[in-house]
Amino acid sequence: MTSSVKKILLGGLITGLGTGLGWSALVHVLSYDQVLNGREFGLSLILPLLVGLGAWQIIGVHRRVLLPIAYLTLFLPVLGIGAGGANILQMTIAGALGGVFWASPFVLYTLVKSYPQRWCGD
């Protein structure tokens, strides 16, 4: 496995983990009255952007890779199980798994893009 593939997988894992943990903790803090209104929800949508930019600074994977991973992880696994009343640990694990899942198309693209250079000698 190439180092860029490892970096993308690690970036997806950290982005998903941070999105799941951060969003569930932020929503838990913001909805102290057990109601998440529109203003609180809008404020919580900034968090995946911050997590993606933080992972970009730490790992060095492009923002155009990490930001879609962060928002796709938020909308599909995290919001899905969050609607069922999951706790912070469950949402963190789902975020990490979702981040790796959503990183897989970028990994496949990287592998396909490097295939002719590696195997055909061009």
PDB file of N, CA and C in Angstrom:
ATOM      1  N   MET A   1       0.843  -1.172   0.000  1.00  0.00           N
ATOM      2  CA  MET A   1       0.000   0.000   0.000  1.00  0.00           C
ATOM      3  C   MET A   1       0.892   1.240   0.000  1.00  0.00           C
ATOM      4  N   THR A   2       0.544   2.208  -0.807  1.00  0.00           N
ATOM      5  CA  THR A   2       1.356   3.413  -0.895  1.00  0.00           C
ATOM      6  C   THR A   2       1.098   4.331   0.291  1.00  0.00           C
ATOM      7  N   SER A   3       1.991   5.252   0.492  1.00  0.00           N
ATOM      8  CA  SER A   3       1.841   6.161   1.629  1.00  0.00           C
ATOM      9  C   SER A   3       0.653   7.089   1.446  1.00  0.00           C
ATOM     10  N   SER A   4       0.317   7.454   0.206  1.00  0.00           N
ATOM     11  CA  SER A   4      -0.839   8.323   0.001  1.00  0.00           C
ATOM     12  C   SER A   4      -2.136   7.601   0.338  1.00  0.00           C
ATOM     13  N   VAL A   5      -2.211   6.305   0.068  1.00  0.00           N
ATOM     14  CA  VAL A   5      -3.400   5.531   0.429  1.00  0.00           C
ATOM     15  C   VAL A   5      -3.522   5.450   1.945  1.00  0.00           C
ATOM     16  N   LYS A   6      -2.414   5.217   2.619  1.00  0.00           N
ATOM     17  CA  LYS A   6      -2.435   5.162   4.084  1.00  0.00           C
ATOM     18  C   LYS A   6      -2.832   6.502   4.680  1.00  0.00           C
ATOM     19  N   LYS A   7      -2.338   7.582   4.083  1.00  0.00           N
ATOM     20  CA  LYS A   7      -2.687   8.908   4.587  1.00  0.00           C
ATOM     21  C   LYS A   7      -4.166   9.202   4.385  1.00  0.00           C
ATOM     22  N   ILE A   8      -4.724   8.779   3.260  1.00  0.00           N
ATOM     23  CA  ILE A   8      -6.148   9.008   3.020  1.00  0.00           C
ATOM     24  C   ILE A   8      -6.986   8.199   3.998  1.00  0.00           C
ATOM     25  N   LEU A   9      -6.623   6.932   4.218  1.00  0.00           N
ATOM     26  CA  LEU A   9      -7.366   6.115   5.185  1.00  0.00           C
ATOM     27  C   LEU A   9      -7.254   6.679   6.597  1.00  0.00           C
ATOM     28  N   LEU A  10      -6.064   7.092   6.990  1.00  0.00           N
ATOM     29  CA  LEU A  10      -5.883   7.691   8.312  1.00  0.00           C
ATOM     30  C   LEU A  10      -6.641   9.011   8.421  1.00  0.00           C
ATOM     31  N   GLY A  11      -6.604   9.797   7.359  1.00  0.00           N
ATOM     32  CA  GLY A  11      -7.365  11.047   7.348  1.00  0.00           C
ATOM     33  C   GLY A  11      -8.856  10.809   7.454  1.00  0.00           C
ATOM     34  N   GLY A  12      -9.359   9.793   6.745  1.00  0.00           N
ATOM     35  CA  GLY A  12     -10.774   9.452   6.848  1.00  0.00           C
ATOM     36  C   GLY A  12     -11.143   8.968   8.233  1.00  0.00           C
ATOM     37  N   LEU A  13     -10.275   8.149   8.825  1.00  0.00           N
ATOM     38  CA  LEU A  13     -10.530   7.645  10.175  1.00  0.00           C
ATOM     39  C   LEU A  13     -10.557   8.780  11.190  1.00  0.00           C
ATOM     40  N   ILE A  14      -9.571   9.653  11.150  1.00  0.00           N
ATOM     41  CA  ILE A  14      -9.516  10.756  12.111  1.00  0.00           C
ATOM     42  C   ILE A  14     -10.641  11.754  11.870  1.00  0.00           C
ATOM     43  N   THR A  15     -10.950  12.028  10.609  1.00  0.00           N
ATOM     44  CA  THR A  15     -12.043  12.946  10.306  1.00  0.00           C
ATOM     45  C   THR A  15     -13.374  12.379  10.767  1.00  0.00           C
ATOM     46  N   GLY A  16     -13.621  11.106  10.497  1.00  0.00           N
ATOM     47  CA  GLY A  16     -14.864  10.486  10.947  1.00  0.00           C
ATOM     48  C   GLY A  16     -14.955  10.396  12.455  1.00  0.00           C
ATOM     49  N   LEU A  17     -13.852  10.032  13.090  1.00  0.00           N
ATOM     50  CA  LEU A  17     -13.822   9.948  14.547  1.00  0.00           C
ATOM     51  C   LEU A  17     -14.085  11.311  15.175  1.00  0.00           C
ATOM     52  N   GLY A  18     -13.412  12.327  14.666  1.00  0.00           N
ATOM     53  CA  GLY A  18     -13.617  13.675  15.196  1.00  0.00           C
ATOM     54  C   GLY A  18     -15.009  14.203  14.927  1.00  0.00           C
ATOM     55  N   THR A  19     -15.553  13.890  13.754  1.00  0.00           N
ATOM     56  CA  THR A  19     -16.904  14.331  13.437  1.00  0.00           C
ATOM     57  C   THR A  19     -17.920  13.651  14.337  1.00  0.00           C
ATOM     58  N   GLY A  20     -17.802  12.347  14.512  1.00  0.00           N
ATOM     59  CA  GLY A  20     -18.742  11.631  15.374  1.00  0.00           C
ATOM     60  C   GLY A  20     -18.666  12.075  16.816  1.00  0.00           C
ATOM     61  N   LEU A  21     -17.459  12.147  17.350  1.00  0.00           N
ATOM     62  CA  LEU A  21     -17.280  12.546  18.745  1.00  0.00           C
ATOM     63  C   LEU A  21     -17.648  14.010  18.953  1.00  0.00           C
ATOM     64  N   GLY A  22     -17.129  14.865  18.100  1.00  0.00           N
ATOM     65  CA  GLY A  22     -17.379  16.295  18.265  1.00  0.00           C
ATOM     66  C   GLY A  22     -18.831  16.669  18.087  1.00  0.00           C
ATOM     67  N   TRP A  23     -19.473  16.117  17.055  1.00  0.00           N
ATOM     68  CA  TRP A  23     -20.857  16.486  16.805  1.00  0.00           C
ATOM     69  C   TRP A  23     -21.773  15.966  17.901  1.00  0.00           C
ATOM     70  N   SER A  24     -21.564  14.729  18.331  1.00  0.00           N
ATOM     71  CA  SER A  24     -22.436  14.197  19.377  1.00  0.00           C
ATOM     72  C   SER A  24     -22.222  14.932  20.695  1.00  0.00           C
ATOM     73  N   ALA A  25     -20.980  15.283  21.020  1.00  0.00           N
ATOM     74  CA  ALA A  25     -20.727  16.036  22.255  1.00  0.00           C
ATOM     75  C   ALA A  25     -21.291  17.448  22.154  1.00  0.00           C
ATOM     76  N   LEU A  26     -21.131  18.095  21.002  1.00  0.00           N
ATOM     77  CA  LEU A  26     -21.652  19.446  20.833  1.00  0.00           C
ATOM     78  C   LEU A  26     -23.173  19.471  20.910  1.00  0.00           C
ATOM     79  N   VAL A  27     -23.817  18.520  20.276  1.00  0.00           N
ATOM     80  CA  VAL A  27     -25.278  18.462  20.334  1.00  0.00           C
ATOM     81  C   VAL A  27     -25.739  18.167  21.758  1.00  0.00           C
ATOM     82  N   HIS A  28     -25.009  17.323  22.459  1.00  0.00           N
ATOM     83  CA  HIS A  28     -25.352  17.028  23.856  1.00  0.00           C
ATOM     84  C   HIS A  28     -25.258  18.295  24.712  1.00  0.00           C
ATOM     85  N   VAL A  29     -24.246  19.109  24.475  1.00  0.00           N
ATOM     86  CA  VAL A  29     -24.082  20.346  25.240  1.00  0.00           C
ATOM     87  C   VAL A  29     -25.115  21.389  24.820  1.00  0.00           C
ATOM     88  N   LEU A  30     -25.346  21.531  23.511  1.00  0.00           N
ATOM     89  CA  LEU A  30     -26.268  22.557  23.030  1.00  0.00           C
ATOM     90  C   LEU A  30     -27.721  22.254  23.359  1.00  0.00           C
ATOM     91  N   SER A  31     -28.074  20.993  23.401  1.00  0.00           N
ATOM     92  CA  SER A  31     -29.483  20.646  23.629  1.00  0.00           C
ATOM     93  C   SER A  31     -29.714  20.270  25.086  1.00  0.00           C
ATOM     94  N   TYR A  32     -29.288  21.130  25.982  1.00  0.00           N
ATOM     95  CA  TYR A  32     -29.482  20.860  27.409  1.00  0.00           C
ATOM     96  C   TYR A  32     -30.951  20.853  27.784  1.00  0.00           C
ATOM     97  N   ASP A  33     -31.783  21.473  26.964  1.00  0.00           N
ATOM     98  CA  ASP A  33     -33.220  21.460  27.214  1.00  0.00           C
ATOM     99  C   ASP A  33     -33.922  20.317  26.479  1.00  0.00           C
ATOM    100  N   GLN A  34     -33.154  19.360  25.956  1.00  0.00           N
ATOM    101  CA  GLN A  34     -33.644  18.183  25.228  1.00  0.00           C
ATOM    102  C   GLN A  34     -34.314  18.527  23.899  1.00  0.00           C
ATOM    103  N   VAL A  35     -34.093  19.748  23.410  1.00  0.00           N
ATOM    104  CA  VAL A  35     -34.624  20.162  22.117  1.00  0.00           C
ATOM    105  C   VAL A  35     -33.485  20.815  21.338  1.00  0.00           C
ATOM    106  N   LEU A  36     -33.272  20.350  20.126  1.00  0.00           N
ATOM    107  CA  LEU A  36     -32.246  20.927  19.258  1.00  0.00           C
ATOM    108  C   LEU A  36     -32.963  21.792  18.232  1.00  0.00           C
ATOM    109  N   ASN A  37     -32.943  23.120  18.433  1.00  0.00           N
ATOM    110  CA  ASN A  37     -33.659  23.997  17.513  1.00  0.00           C
ATOM    111  C   ASN A  37     -32.795  24.306  16.291  1.00  0.00           C
ATOM    112  N   GLY A  38     -33.323  25.098  15.389  1.00  0.00           N
ATOM    113  CA  GLY A  38     -32.639  25.377  14.133  1.00  0.00           C
ATOM    114  C   GLY A  38     -31.325  26.107  14.294  1.00  0.00           C
ATOM    115  N   ARG A  39     -31.260  27.053  15.221  1.00  0.00           N
ATOM    116  CA  ARG A  39     -30.025  27.796  15.439  1.00  0.00           C
ATOM    117  C   ARG A  39     -28.925  26.878  15.971  1.00  0.00           C
ATOM    118  N   GLU A  40     -29.278  26.015  16.902  1.00  0.00           N
ATOM    119  CA  GLU A  40     -28.300  25.070  17.452  1.00  0.00           C
ATOM    120  C   GLU A  40     -27.844  24.073  16.393  1.00  0.00           C
ATOM    121  N   PHE A  41     -28.776  23.603  15.565  1.00  0.00           N
ATOM    122  CA  PHE A  41     -28.414  22.677  14.496  1.00  0.00           C
ATOM    123  C   PHE A  41     -27.501  23.355  13.474  1.00  0.00           C
ATOM    124  N   GLY A  42     -27.816  24.597  13.120  1.00  0.00           N
ATOM    125  CA  GLY A  42     -26.963  25.330  12.186  1.00  0.00           C
ATOM    126  C   GLY A  42     -25.563  25.543  12.728  1.00  0.00           C
ATOM    127  N   LEU A  43     -25.469  25.829  14.021  1.00  0.00           N
ATOM    128  CA  LEU A  43     -24.159  25.989  14.651  1.00  0.00           C
ATOM    129  C   LEU A  43     -23.388  24.673  14.653  1.00  0.00           C
ATOM    130  N   SER A  44     -24.101  23.575  14.840  1.00  0.00           N
ATOM    131  CA  SER A  44     -23.421  22.276  14.875  1.00  0.00           C
ATOM    132  C   SER A  44     -22.923  21.846  13.495  1.00  0.00           C
ATOM    133  N   LEU A  45     -23.441  22.444  12.429  1.00  0.00           N
ATOM    134  CA  LEU A  45     -22.983  22.097  11.084  1.00  0.00           C
ATOM    135  C   LEU A  45     -21.607  22.679  10.762  1.00  0.00           C
ATOM    136  N   ILE A  46     -21.120  23.589  11.589  1.00  0.00           N
ATOM    137  CA  ILE A  46     -19.780  24.139  11.391  1.00  0.00           C
ATOM    138  C   ILE A  46     -18.717  23.143  11.849  1.00  0.00           C
ATOM    139  N   LEU A  47     -19.069  22.267  12.774  1.00  0.00           N
ATOM    140  CA  LEU A  47     -18.091  21.360  13.374  1.00  0.00           C
ATOM    141  C   LEU A  47     -17.394  20.442  12.364  1.00  0.00           C
ATOM    142  N   PRO A  48     -18.088  19.801  11.407  1.00  0.00           N
ATOM    143  CA  PRO A  48     -17.358  18.964  10.437  1.00  0.00           C
ATOM    144  C   PRO A  48     -16.336  19.751   9.616  1.00  0.00           C
ATOM    145  N   LEU A  49     -16.635  21.011   9.336  1.00  0.00           N
ATOM    146  CA  LEU A  49     -15.667  21.852   8.637  1.00  0.00           C
ATOM    147  C   LEU A  49     -14.405  22.018   9.475  1.00  0.00           C
ATOM    148  N   LEU A  50     -14.569  22.295  10.757  1.00  0.00           N
ATOM    149  CA  LEU A  50     -13.415  22.474  11.642  1.00  0.00           C
ATOM    150  C   LEU A  50     -12.628  21.177  11.808  1.00  0.00           C
ATOM    151  N   VAL A  51     -13.336  20.051  11.905  1.00  0.00           N
ATOM    152  CA  VAL A  51     -12.658  18.756  12.038  1.00  0.00           C
ATOM    153  C   VAL A  51     -11.882  18.434  10.764  1.00  0.00           C
ATOM    154  N   GLY A  52     -12.489  18.670   9.610  1.00  0.00           N
ATOM    155  CA  GLY A  52     -11.803  18.413   8.344  1.00  0.00           C
ATOM    156  C   GLY A  52     -10.570  19.283   8.167  1.00  0.00           C
ATOM    157  N   LEU A  53     -10.670  20.548   8.546  1.00  0.00           N
ATOM    158  CA  LEU A  53      -9.511  21.434   8.438  1.00  0.00           C
ATOM    159  C   LEU A  53      -8.424  21.053   9.438  1.00  0.00           C
ATOM    160  N   GLY A  54      -8.828  20.611  10.618  1.00  0.00           N
ATOM    161  CA  GLY A  54      -7.842  20.156  11.602  1.00  0.00           C
ATOM    162  C   GLY A  54      -7.109  18.909  11.142  1.00  0.00           C
ATOM    163  N   ALA A  55      -7.852  17.962  10.578  1.00  0.00           N
ATOM    164  CA  ALA A  55      -7.217  16.745  10.062  1.00  0.00           C
ATOM    165  C   ALA A  55      -6.316  17.068   8.876  1.00  0.00           C
ATOM    166  N   TRP A  56      -6.704  18.045   8.081  1.00  0.00           N
ATOM    167  CA  TRP A  56      -5.862  18.474   6.960  1.00  0.00           C
ATOM    168  C   TRP A  56      -4.534  19.019   7.470  1.00  0.00           C
ATOM    169  N   GLN A  57      -4.579  19.811   8.530  1.00  0.00           N
ATOM    170  CA  GLN A  57      -3.349  20.367   9.094  1.00  0.00           C
ATOM    171  C   GLN A  57      -2.459  19.283   9.693  1.00  0.00           C
ATOM    172  N   ILE A  58      -3.062  18.291  10.343  1.00  0.00           N
ATOM    173  CA  ILE A  58      -2.284  17.258  11.027  1.00  0.00           C
ATOM    174  C   ILE A  58      -1.712  16.242  10.043  1.00  0.00           C
ATOM    175  N   ILE A  59      -2.548  15.752   9.127  1.00  0.00           N
ATOM    176  CA  ILE A  59      -2.152  14.632   8.271  1.00  0.00           C
ATOM    177  C   ILE A  59      -1.617  15.089   6.922  1.00  0.00           C
ATOM    178  N   GLY A  60      -2.193  16.140   6.377  1.00  0.00           N
ATOM    179  CA  GLY A  60      -1.709  16.648   5.103  1.00  0.00           C
ATOM    180  C   GLY A  60      -2.478  16.154   3.893  1.00  0.00           C
ATOM    181  N   VAL A  61      -3.586  15.475   4.099  1.00  0.00           N
ATOM    182  CA  VAL A  61      -4.440  15.063   2.983  1.00  0.00           C
ATOM    183  C   VAL A  61      -5.203  16.301   2.514  1.00  0.00           C
ATOM    184  N   HIS A  62      -5.487  16.388   1.232  1.00  0.00           N
ATOM    185  CA  HIS A  62      -6.143  17.567   0.672  1.00  0.00           C
ATOM    186  C   HIS A  62      -7.489  17.830   1.335  1.00  0.00           C
ATOM    187  N   ARG A  63      -7.815  19.110   1.421  1.00  0.00           N
ATOM    188  CA  ARG A  63      -9.120  19.500   1.980  1.00  0.00           C
ATOM    189  C   ARG A  63     -10.259  18.996   1.115  1.00  0.00           C
ATOM    190  N   ARG A  64     -10.047  18.940  -0.186  1.00  0.00           N
ATOM    191  CA  ARG A  64     -11.117  18.479  -1.075  1.00  0.00           C
ATOM    192  C   ARG A  64     -11.428  16.999  -0.873  1.00  0.00           C
ATOM    193  N   VAL A  65     -10.581  16.289  -0.161  1.00  0.00           N
ATOM    194  CA  VAL A  65     -10.839  14.898   0.203  1.00  0.00           C
ATOM    195  C   VAL A  65     -11.494  14.830   1.579  1.00  0.00           C
ATOM    196  N   LEU A  66     -10.967  15.575   2.540  1.00  0.00           N
ATOM    197  CA  LEU A  66     -11.421  15.445   3.923  1.00  0.00           C
ATOM    198  C   LEU A  66     -12.760  16.121   4.197  1.00  0.00           C
ATOM    199  N   LEU A  67     -13.046  17.234   3.552  1.00  0.00           N
ATOM    200  CA  LEU A  67     -14.313  17.915   3.831  1.00  0.00           C
ATOM    201  C   LEU A  67     -15.529  17.114   3.361  1.00  0.00           C
ATOM    202  N   PRO A  68     -15.512  16.506   2.162  1.00  0.00           N
ATOM    203  CA  PRO A  68     -16.645  15.636   1.827  1.00  0.00           C
ATOM    204  C   PRO A  68     -16.773  14.445   2.768  1.00  0.00           C
ATOM    205  N   ILE A  69     -15.642  13.889   3.207  1.00  0.00           N
ATOM    206  CA  ILE A  69     -15.695  12.774   4.155  1.00  0.00           C
ATOM    207  C   ILE A  69     -16.357  13.227   5.447  1.00  0.00           C
ATOM    208  N   ALA A  70     -16.009  14.415   5.926  1.00  0.00           N
ATOM    209  CA  ALA A  70     -16.572  14.914   7.184  1.00  0.00           C
ATOM    210  C   ALA A  70     -18.082  15.099   7.079  1.00  0.00           C
ATOM    211  N   TYR A  71     -18.555  15.727   6.006  1.00  0.00           N
ATOM    212  CA  TYR A  71     -19.995  15.986   5.900  1.00  0.00           C
ATOM    213  C   TYR A  71     -20.783  14.728   5.545  1.00  0.00           C
ATOM    214  N   LEU A  72     -20.224  13.849   4.717  1.00  0.00           N
ATOM    215  CA  LEU A  72     -20.921  12.588   4.439  1.00  0.00           C
ATOM    216  C   LEU A  72     -20.997  11.722   5.690  1.00  0.00           C
ATOM    217  N   THR A  73     -19.946  11.742   6.497  1.00  0.00           N
ATOM    218  CA  THR A  73     -19.967  10.997   7.755  1.00  0.00           C
ATOM    219  C   THR A  73     -21.003  11.581   8.695  1.00  0.00           C
ATOM    220  N   LEU A  74     -21.129  12.887   8.713  1.00  0.00           N
ATOM    221  CA  LEU A  74     -22.135  13.505   9.578  1.00  0.00           C
ATOM    222  C   LEU A  74     -23.533  13.116   9.139  1.00  0.00           C
ATOM    223  N   PHE A  75     -23.819  13.206   7.854  1.00  0.00           N
ATOM    224  CA  PHE A  75     -25.195  13.025   7.421  1.00  0.00           C
ATOM    225  C   PHE A  75     -25.646  11.574   7.386  1.00  0.00           C
ATOM    226  N   LEU A  76     -24.781  10.643   7.038  1.00  0.00           N
ATOM    227  CA  LEU A  76     -25.280   9.274   6.939  1.00  0.00           C
ATOM    228  C   LEU A  76     -25.123   8.471   8.229  1.00  0.00           C
ATOM    229  N   PRO A  77     -23.957   8.125   8.707  1.00  0.00           N
ATOM    230  CA  PRO A  77     -23.980   7.289   9.913  1.00  0.00           C
ATOM    231  C   PRO A  77     -24.309   8.051  11.190  1.00  0.00           C
ATOM    232  N   VAL A  78     -23.783   9.265  11.361  1.00  0.00           N
ATOM    233  CA  VAL A  78     -23.938   9.937  12.651  1.00  0.00           C
ATOM    234  C   VAL A  78     -25.362  10.433  12.858  1.00  0.00           C
ATOM    235  N   LEU A  79     -25.924  11.137  11.891  1.00  0.00           N
ATOM    236  CA  LEU A  79     -27.304  11.597  12.054  1.00  0.00           C
ATOM    237  C   LEU A  79     -28.280  10.431  12.060  1.00  0.00           C
ATOM    238  N   GLY A  80     -27.954   9.382  11.334  1.00  0.00           N
ATOM    239  CA  GLY A  80     -28.843   8.220  11.290  1.00  0.00           C
ATOM    240  C   GLY A  80     -29.001   7.552  12.634  1.00  0.00           C
ATOM    241  N   ILE A  81     -27.894   7.257  13.293  1.00  0.00           N
ATOM    242  CA  ILE A  81     -28.030   6.615  14.598  1.00  0.00           C
ATOM    243  C   ILE A  81     -28.314   7.636  15.688  1.00  0.00           C
ATOM    244  N   GLY A  82     -27.977   8.902  15.441  1.00  0.00           N
ATOM    245  CA  GLY A  82     -28.301   9.941  16.418  1.00  0.00           C
ATOM    246  C   GLY A  82     -29.793  10.148  16.543  1.00  0.00           C
ATOM    247  N   ALA A  83     -30.525   9.923  15.458  1.00  0.00           N
ATOM    248  CA  ALA A  83     -31.978  10.045  15.517  1.00  0.00           C
ATOM    249  C   ALA A  83     -32.590   8.937  16.356  1.00  0.00           C
ATOM    250  N   GLY A  84     -31.869   7.834  16.488  1.00  0.00           N
ATOM    251  CA  GLY A  84     -32.357   6.732  17.309  1.00  0.00           C
ATOM    252  C   GLY A  84     -31.995   6.858  18.771  1.00  0.00           C
ATOM    253  N   GLY A  85     -31.324   7.919  19.143  1.00  0.00           N
ATOM    254  CA  GLY A  85     -30.988   8.137  20.538  1.00  0.00           C
ATOM    255  C   GLY A  85     -29.713   7.459  20.982  1.00  0.00           C
ATOM    256  N   ALA A  86     -28.741   7.352  20.100  1.00  0.00           N
ATOM    257  CA  ALA A  86     -27.475   6.699  20.448  1.00  0.00           C
ATOM    258  C   ALA A  86     -26.666   7.585  21.391  1.00  0.00           C
ATOM    259  N   ASN A  87     -25.799   6.943  22.152  1.00  0.00           N
ATOM    260  CA  ASN A  87     -24.952   7.721  23.054  1.00  0.00           C
ATOM    261  C   ASN A  87     -23.694   8.191  22.328  1.00  0.00           C
ATOM    262  N   ILE A  88     -22.845   8.919  23.041  1.00  0.00           N
ATOM    263  CA  ILE A  88     -21.664   9.525  22.426  1.00  0.00           C
ATOM    264  C   ILE A  88     -20.687   8.465  21.931  1.00  0.00           C
ATOM    265  N   LEU A  89     -20.507   7.384  22.682  1.00  0.00           N
ATOM    266  CA  LEU A  89     -19.576   6.332  22.264  1.00  0.00           C
ATOM    267  C   LEU A  89     -20.034   5.665  20.968  1.00  0.00           C
ATOM    268  N   GLN A  90     -21.314   5.357  20.863  1.00  0.00           N
ATOM    269  CA  GLN A  90     -21.830   4.733  19.642  1.00  0.00           C
ATOM    270  C   GLN A  90     -21.673   5.661  18.441  1.00  0.00           C
ATOM    271  N   MET A  91     -21.921   6.936  18.643  1.00  0.00           N
ATOM    272  CA  MET A  91     -21.798   7.880  17.533  1.00  0.00           C
ATOM    273  C   MET A  91     -20.336   8.096  17.144  1.00  0.00           C
ATOM    274  N   THR A  92     -19.423   8.000  18.111  1.00  0.00           N
ATOM    275  CA  THR A  92     -17.998   8.120  17.801  1.00  0.00           C
ATOM    276  C   THR A  92     -17.520   6.928  16.979  1.00  0.00           C
ATOM    277  N   ILE A  93     -17.934   5.731  17.375  1.00  0.00           N
ATOM    278  CA  ILE A  93     -17.557   4.526  16.624  1.00  0.00           C
ATOM    279  C   ILE A  93     -18.162   4.560  15.225  1.00  0.00           C
ATOM    280  N   ALA A  94     -19.427   4.963  15.126  1.00  0.00           N
ATOM    281  CA  ALA A  94     -20.063   5.066  13.814  1.00  0.00           C
ATOM    282  C   ALA A  94     -19.372   6.116  12.954  1.00  0.00           C
ATOM    283  N   GLY A  95     -18.942   7.208  13.555  1.00  0.00           N
ATOM    284  CA  GLY A  95     -18.215   8.232  12.811  1.00  0.00           C
ATOM    285  C   GLY A  95     -16.894   7.718  12.274  1.00  0.00           C
ATOM    286  N   ALA A  96     -16.159   6.960  13.097  1.00  0.00           N
ATOM    287  CA  ALA A  96     -14.874   6.410  12.647  1.00  0.00           C
ATOM    288  C   ALA A  96     -15.078   5.421  11.505  1.00  0.00           C
ATOM    289  N   LEU A  97     -16.055   4.537  11.646  1.00  0.00           N
ATOM    290  CA  LEU A  97     -16.334   3.573  10.575  1.00  0.00           C
ATOM    291  C   LEU A  97     -16.843   4.274   9.323  1.00  0.00           C
ATOM    292  N   GLY A  98     -17.685   5.276   9.507  1.00  0.00           N
ATOM    293  CA  GLY A  98     -18.179   6.037   8.366  1.00  0.00           C
ATOM    294  C   GLY A  98     -17.075   6.800   7.660  1.00  0.00           C
ATOM    295  N   GLY A  99     -16.127   7.329   8.428  1.00  0.00           N
ATOM    296  CA  GLY A  99     -15.005   8.036   7.818  1.00  0.00           C
ATOM    297  C   GLY A  99     -14.154   7.131   6.953  1.00  0.00           C
ATOM    298  N   VAL A 100     -13.896   5.917   7.439  1.00  0.00           N
ATOM    299  CA  VAL A 100     -13.129   4.953   6.640  1.00  0.00           C
ATOM    300  C   VAL A 100     -13.933   4.535   5.410  1.00  0.00           C
ATOM    301  N   PHE A 101     -15.244   4.343   5.579  1.00  0.00           N
ATOM    302  CA  PHE A 101     -16.090   3.960   4.451  1.00  0.00           C
ATOM    303  C   PHE A 101     -16.092   5.047   3.376  1.00  0.00           C
ATOM    304  N   TRP A 102     -16.268   6.304   3.788  1.00  0.00           N
ATOM    305  CA  TRP A 102     -16.319   7.382   2.808  1.00  0.00           C
ATOM    306  C   TRP A 102     -14.943   7.731   2.254  1.00  0.00           C
ATOM    307  N   ALA A 103     -13.882   7.281   2.894  1.00  0.00           N
ATOM    308  CA  ALA A 103     -12.537   7.477   2.345  1.00  0.00           C
ATOM    309  C   ALA A 103     -12.231   6.460   1.251  1.00  0.00           C
ATOM    310  N   SER A 104     -12.960   5.348   1.232  1.00  0.00           N
ATOM    311  CA  SER A 104     -12.656   4.281   0.274  1.00  0.00           C
ATOM    312  C   SER A 104     -12.781   4.710  -1.192  1.00  0.00           C
ATOM    313  N   PRO A 105     -13.750   5.546  -1.604  1.00  0.00           N
ATOM    314  CA  PRO A 105     -13.730   5.979  -3.008  1.00  0.00           C
ATOM    315  C   PRO A 105     -12.481   6.779  -3.372  1.00  0.00           C
ATOM    316  N   PHE A 106     -11.993   7.583  -2.440  1.00  0.00           N
ATOM    317  CA  PHE A 106     -10.776   8.350  -2.701  1.00  0.00           C
ATOM    318  C   PHE A 106      -9.558   7.436  -2.767  1.00  0.00           C
ATOM    319  N   VAL A 107      -9.555   6.387  -1.956  1.00  0.00           N
ATOM    320  CA  VAL A 107      -8.468   5.403  -1.998  1.00  0.00           C
ATOM    321  C   VAL A 107      -8.488   4.667  -3.330  1.00  0.00           C
ATOM    322  N   LEU A 108      -9.665   4.239  -3.755  1.00  0.00           N
ATOM    323  CA  LEU A 108      -9.776   3.539  -5.039  1.00  0.00           C
ATOM    324  C   LEU A 108      -9.349   4.437  -6.196  1.00  0.00           C
ATOM    325  N   TYR A 109      -9.734   5.692  -6.147  1.00  0.00           N
ATOM    326  CA  TYR A 109      -9.325   6.630  -7.191  1.00  0.00           C
ATOM    327  C   TYR A 109      -7.805   6.775  -7.223  1.00  0.00           C
ATOM    328  N   THR A 110      -7.196   6.875  -6.054  1.00  0.00           N
ATOM    329  CA  THR A 110      -5.738   7.001  -5.979  1.00  0.00           C
ATOM    330  C   THR A 110      -5.051   5.758  -6.523  1.00  0.00           C
ATOM    331  N   LEU A 111      -5.582   4.586  -6.195  1.00  0.00           N
ATOM    332  CA  LEU A 111      -4.987   3.345  -6.692  1.00  0.00           C
ATOM    333  C   LEU A 111      -5.139   3.210  -8.201  1.00  0.00           C
ATOM    334  N   VAL A 112      -6.315   3.550  -8.720  1.00  0.00           N
ATOM    335  CA  VAL A 112      -6.544   3.453 -10.166  1.00  0.00           C
ATOM    336  C   VAL A 112      -5.684   4.469 -10.905  1.00  0.00           C
ATOM    337  N   LYS A 113      -5.543   5.651 -10.338  1.00  0.00           N
ATOM    338  CA  LYS A 113      -4.735   6.686 -10.974  1.00  0.00           C
ATOM    339  C   LYS A 113      -3.256   6.297 -11.019  1.00  0.00           C
ATOM    340  N   SER A 114      -2.778   5.601  -9.998  1.00  0.00           N
ATOM    341  CA  SER A 114      -1.365   5.222  -9.971  1.00  0.00           C
ATOM    342  C   SER A 114      -1.105   3.875 -10.646  1.00  0.00           C
ATOM    343  N   TYR A 115      -2.136   3.150 -11.043  1.00  0.00           N
ATOM    344  CA  TYR A 115      -1.966   1.830 -11.650  1.00  0.00           C
ATOM    345  C   TYR A 115      -1.133   1.857 -12.925  1.00  0.00           C
ATOM    346  N   PRO A 116      -1.431   2.709 -13.915  1.00  0.00           N
ATOM    347  CA  PRO A 116      -0.625   2.680 -15.144  1.00  0.00           C
ATOM    348  C   PRO A 116       0.839   3.040 -14.900  1.00  0.00           C
ATOM    349  N   GLN A 117       1.108   3.938 -13.979  1.00  0.00           N
ATOM    350  CA  GLN A 117       2.491   4.334 -13.715  1.00  0.00           C
ATOM    351  C   GLN A 117       3.263   3.212 -13.043  1.00  0.00           C
ATOM    352  N   ARG A 118       2.595   2.475 -12.195  1.00  0.00           N
ATOM    353  CA  ARG A 118       3.289   1.446 -11.429  1.00  0.00           C
ATOM    354  C   ARG A 118       3.483   0.172 -12.239  1.00  0.00           C
ATOM    355  N   TRP A 119       2.484  -0.257 -12.993  1.00  0.00           N
ATOM    356  CA  TRP A 119       2.531  -1.579 -13.617  1.00  0.00           C
ATOM    357  C   TRP A 119       2.857  -1.555 -15.103  1.00  0.00           C
ATOM    358  N   CYS A 120       2.604  -0.468 -15.771  1.00  0.00           N
ATOM    359  CA  CYS A 120       2.854  -0.432 -17.213  1.00  0.00           C
ATOM    360  C   CYS A 120       4.179   0.219 -17.564  1.00  0.00           C
ATOM    361  N   GLY A 121       4.858   0.785 -16.604  1.00  0.00           N
ATOM    362  CA  GLY A 121       6.178   1.345 -16.846  1.00  0.00           C
ATOM    363  C   GLY A 121       6.182   2.682 -17.547  1.00  0.00           C
ATOM    364  N   ASP A 122       5.069   3.388 -17.578  1.00  0.00           N
ATOM    365  CA  ASP A 122       5.025   4.709 -18.237  1.00  0.00           C
ATOM    366  C   ASP A 122       5.546   5.776 -17.337  1.00  0.00           C
TER     367      ASP A 122
END
